[in-house]
């Protein structure tokens, strides 16, 4: 059987999810409670701040990552692929709905997956 070729970027994201899941299981609320009791106050505060900074950094990257949309629908009347609209309109955001340029009709809303 042929092996499926998976882009490195997808492998990296899947590996990140695996690592974050392992981290979530390993670092519990009790871990923080015990560390606060056992460690030097400044050391615990520094480690907690570093964890928060790393978590925030990853969250910001994910929040600012591009959104993806599904495939364009095909017009039921003329079988032409729809295009995102209103790209040039001042009302609403660009790509708010699918538009059949042949029939001049909307083909549903365009929202990210």
C-alpha atoms as a PDB file:
ATOM      1  CA  UNK A   1       0.000   0.000   0.000  1.00  0.00           C
ATOM      2  CA  UNK A   2       1.143   3.523  -0.728  1.00  0.00           C
ATOM      3  CA  UNK A   3       1.838   5.616   2.331  1.00  0.00           C
ATOM      4  CA  UNK A   4      -0.185   8.790   2.576  1.00  0.00           C
ATOM      5  CA  UNK A   5       1.927  11.910   2.193  1.00  0.00           C
ATOM      6  CA  UNK A   6       1.168  14.307   5.027  1.00  0.00           C
ATOM      7  CA  UNK A   7       2.543  17.867   4.882  1.00  0.00           C
ATOM      8  CA  UNK A   8       5.113  18.720   7.562  1.00  0.00           C
ATOM      9  CA  UNK A   9       2.933  21.570   8.804  1.00  0.00           C
ATOM     10  CA  UNK A  10       0.055  19.178   9.552  1.00  0.00           C
ATOM     11  CA  UNK A  11       2.431  16.775  11.315  1.00  0.00           C
ATOM     12  CA  UNK A  12       3.759  19.697  13.397  1.00  0.00           C
ATOM     13  CA  UNK A  13       0.234  20.753  14.447  1.00  0.00           C
ATOM     14  CA  UNK A  14      -0.728  17.165  15.335  1.00  0.00           C
ATOM     15  CA  UNK A  15       2.505  16.778  17.333  1.00  0.00           C
ATOM     16  CA  UNK A  16       1.745  20.046  19.149  1.00  0.00           C
ATOM     17  CA  UNK A  17      -1.712  18.783  20.107  1.00  0.00           C
ATOM     18  CA  UNK A  18      -0.204  15.532  21.390  1.00  0.00           C
ATOM     19  CA  UNK A  19       2.392  17.448  23.435  1.00  0.00           C
ATOM     20  CA  UNK A  20      -0.219  19.841  24.832  1.00  0.00           C
ATOM     21  CA  UNK A  21      -2.474  16.933  25.821  1.00  0.00           C
ATOM     22  CA  UNK A  22       0.429  15.270  27.640  1.00  0.00           C
ATOM     23  CA  UNK A  23       1.282  18.562  29.342  1.00  0.00           C
ATOM     24  CA  UNK A  24      -2.343  19.076  30.363  1.00  0.00           C
ATOM     25  CA  UNK A  25      -2.398  15.632  31.998  1.00  0.00           C
ATOM     26  CA  UNK A  26       0.982  16.116  33.695  1.00  0.00           C
ATOM     27  CA  UNK A  27       0.480  19.628  35.062  1.00  0.00           C
ATOM     28  CA  UNK A  28      -2.653  19.667  37.191  1.00  0.00           C
ATOM     29  CA  UNK A  29      -4.017  22.145  39.684  1.00  0.00           C
ATOM     30  CA  UNK A  30      -2.430  20.032  42.413  1.00  0.00           C
ATOM     31  CA  UNK A  31       0.950  20.427  40.696  1.00  0.00           C
ATOM     32  CA  UNK A  32       0.692  24.193  41.124  1.00  0.00           C
ATOM     33  CA  UNK A  33      -0.515  23.865  44.732  1.00  0.00           C
ATOM     34  CA  UNK A  34       2.363  21.542  45.655  1.00  0.00           C
ATOM     35  CA  UNK A  35       4.934  23.708  43.872  1.00  0.00           C
ATOM     36  CA  UNK A  36       3.658  26.804  45.658  1.00  0.00           C
ATOM     37  CA  UNK A  37       4.104  25.030  49.006  1.00  0.00           C
ATOM     38  CA  UNK A  38       7.461  23.374  48.322  1.00  0.00           C
ATOM     39  CA  UNK A  39       9.408  25.823  46.153  1.00  0.00           C
ATOM     40  CA  UNK A  40      10.999  29.141  46.928  1.00  0.00           C
ATOM     41  CA  UNK A  41       8.435  31.893  46.372  1.00  0.00           C
ATOM     42  CA  UNK A  42      10.453  33.722  43.697  1.00  0.00           C
ATOM     43  CA  UNK A  43      11.255  30.469  41.854  1.00  0.00           C
ATOM     44  CA  UNK A  44       7.597  29.395  41.816  1.00  0.00           C
ATOM     45  CA  UNK A  45       6.468  32.852  40.660  1.00  0.00           C
ATOM     46  CA  UNK A  46       9.053  32.838  37.866  1.00  0.00           C
ATOM     47  CA  UNK A  47       8.041  29.354  36.650  1.00  0.00           C
ATOM     48  CA  UNK A  48       4.340  30.218  36.781  1.00  0.00           C
ATOM     49  CA  UNK A  49       4.940  33.411  34.791  1.00  0.00           C
ATOM     50  CA  UNK A  50       6.965  31.517  32.158  1.00  0.00           C
ATOM     51  CA  UNK A  51       4.211  28.897  31.788  1.00  0.00           C
ATOM     52  CA  UNK A  52       1.582  31.608  31.376  1.00  0.00           C
ATOM     53  CA  UNK A  53       3.707  33.440  28.800  1.00  0.00           C
ATOM     54  CA  UNK A  54       4.260  30.281  26.720  1.00  0.00           C
ATOM     55  CA  UNK A  55       0.583  29.320  26.909  1.00  0.00           C
ATOM     56  CA  UNK A  56      -0.455  32.841  25.892  1.00  0.00           C
ATOM     57  CA  UNK A  57       1.996  32.817  22.996  1.00  0.00           C
ATOM     58  CA  UNK A  58       0.578  29.565  21.634  1.00  0.00           C
ATOM     59  CA  UNK A  59      -2.983  30.825  22.117  1.00  0.00           C
ATOM     60  CA  UNK A  60      -2.231  34.059  20.212  1.00  0.00           C
ATOM     61  CA  UNK A  61      -0.703  32.125  17.315  1.00  0.00           C
ATOM     62  CA  UNK A  62      -3.792  29.912  17.101  1.00  0.00           C
ATOM     63  CA  UNK A  63      -6.215  32.845  17.376  1.00  0.00           C
ATOM     64  CA  UNK A  64      -4.425  34.750  14.603  1.00  0.00           C
ATOM     65  CA  UNK A  65      -4.068  31.739  12.325  1.00  0.00           C
ATOM     66  CA  UNK A  66      -5.951  31.991   9.032  1.00  0.00           C
ATOM     67  CA  UNK A  67      -9.481  30.607   8.870  1.00  0.00           C
ATOM     68  CA  UNK A  68     -10.458  28.184   6.145  1.00  0.00           C
ATOM     69  CA  UNK A  69     -13.698  27.966   4.227  1.00  0.00           C
ATOM     70  CA  UNK A  70     -15.337  24.972   2.607  1.00  0.00           C
ATOM     71  CA  UNK A  71     -15.481  24.434  -1.129  1.00  0.00           C
ATOM     72  CA  UNK A  72     -17.638  26.817  -3.135  1.00  0.00           C
ATOM     73  CA  UNK A  73     -21.155  25.527  -3.730  1.00  0.00           C
ATOM     74  CA  UNK A  74     -22.425  24.935  -7.246  1.00  0.00           C
ATOM     75  CA  UNK A  75     -25.460  26.938  -8.380  1.00  0.00           C
ATOM     76  CA  UNK A  76     -28.542  24.743  -8.567  1.00  0.00           C
ATOM     77  CA  UNK A  77     -29.807  26.586 -11.641  1.00  0.00           C
ATOM     78  CA  UNK A  78     -26.797  26.918 -13.957  1.00  0.00           C
ATOM     79  CA  UNK A  79     -24.236  24.556 -12.292  1.00  0.00           C
ATOM     80  CA  UNK A  80     -21.621  27.337 -12.116  1.00  0.00           C
ATOM     81  CA  UNK A  81     -19.312  27.413  -9.082  1.00  0.00           C
ATOM     82  CA  UNK A  82     -20.173  30.300  -6.772  1.00  0.00           C
ATOM     83  CA  UNK A  83     -17.659  32.982  -5.748  1.00  0.00           C
ATOM     84  CA  UNK A  84     -17.267  34.804  -2.406  1.00  0.00           C
ATOM     85  CA  UNK A  85     -19.042  38.157  -2.209  1.00  0.00           C
ATOM     86  CA  UNK A  86     -19.295  41.116  -1.533  1.00  0.00           C
ATOM     87  CA  UNK A  87     -15.569  41.535  -2.106  1.00  0.00           C
ATOM     88  CA  UNK A  88     -15.911  45.182  -3.070  1.00  0.00           C
ATOM     89  CA  UNK A  89     -18.997  46.085  -1.029  1.00  0.00           C
ATOM     90  CA  UNK A  90     -18.818  48.484   1.889  1.00  0.00           C
ATOM     91  CA  UNK A  91     -21.579  46.669   3.806  1.00  0.00           C
ATOM     92  CA  UNK A  92     -20.686  43.514   5.703  1.00  0.00           C
ATOM     93  CA  UNK A  93     -17.374  41.764   5.562  1.00  0.00           C
ATOM     94  CA  UNK A  94     -15.780  40.573   2.318  1.00  0.00           C
ATOM     95  CA  UNK A  95     -16.766  37.033   1.512  1.00  0.00           C
ATOM     96  CA  UNK A  96     -19.917  37.093   3.649  1.00  0.00           C
ATOM     97  CA  UNK A  97     -21.845  34.897   1.204  1.00  0.00           C
ATOM     98  CA  UNK A  98     -21.478  32.790  -1.945  1.00  0.00           C
ATOM     99  CA  UNK A  99     -22.616  34.412  -5.194  1.00  0.00           C
ATOM    100  CA  UNK A 100     -23.457  32.946  -8.610  1.00  0.00           C
ATOM    101  CA  UNK A 101     -22.164  35.475 -11.132  1.00  0.00           C
ATOM    102  CA  UNK A 102     -24.175  33.913 -13.961  1.00  0.00           C
ATOM    103  CA  UNK A 103     -27.591  33.925 -12.248  1.00  0.00           C
ATOM    104  CA  UNK A 104     -26.798  36.926 -10.014  1.00  0.00           C
ATOM    105  CA  UNK A 105     -28.117  35.108  -6.934  1.00  0.00           C
ATOM    106  CA  UNK A 106     -26.749  34.270  -3.479  1.00  0.00           C
ATOM    107  CA  UNK A 107     -25.878  30.644  -2.861  1.00  0.00           C
ATOM    108  CA  UNK A 108     -25.751  30.643   0.936  1.00  0.00           C
ATOM    109  CA  UNK A 109     -23.591  32.152   3.629  1.00  0.00           C
ATOM    110  CA  UNK A 110     -19.840  31.798   3.612  1.00  0.00           C
ATOM    111  CA  UNK A 111     -18.544  31.031   7.083  1.00  0.00           C
ATOM    112  CA  UNK A 112     -15.301  29.478   8.282  1.00  0.00           C
ATOM    113  CA  UNK A 113     -15.188  25.794   9.110  1.00  0.00           C
END
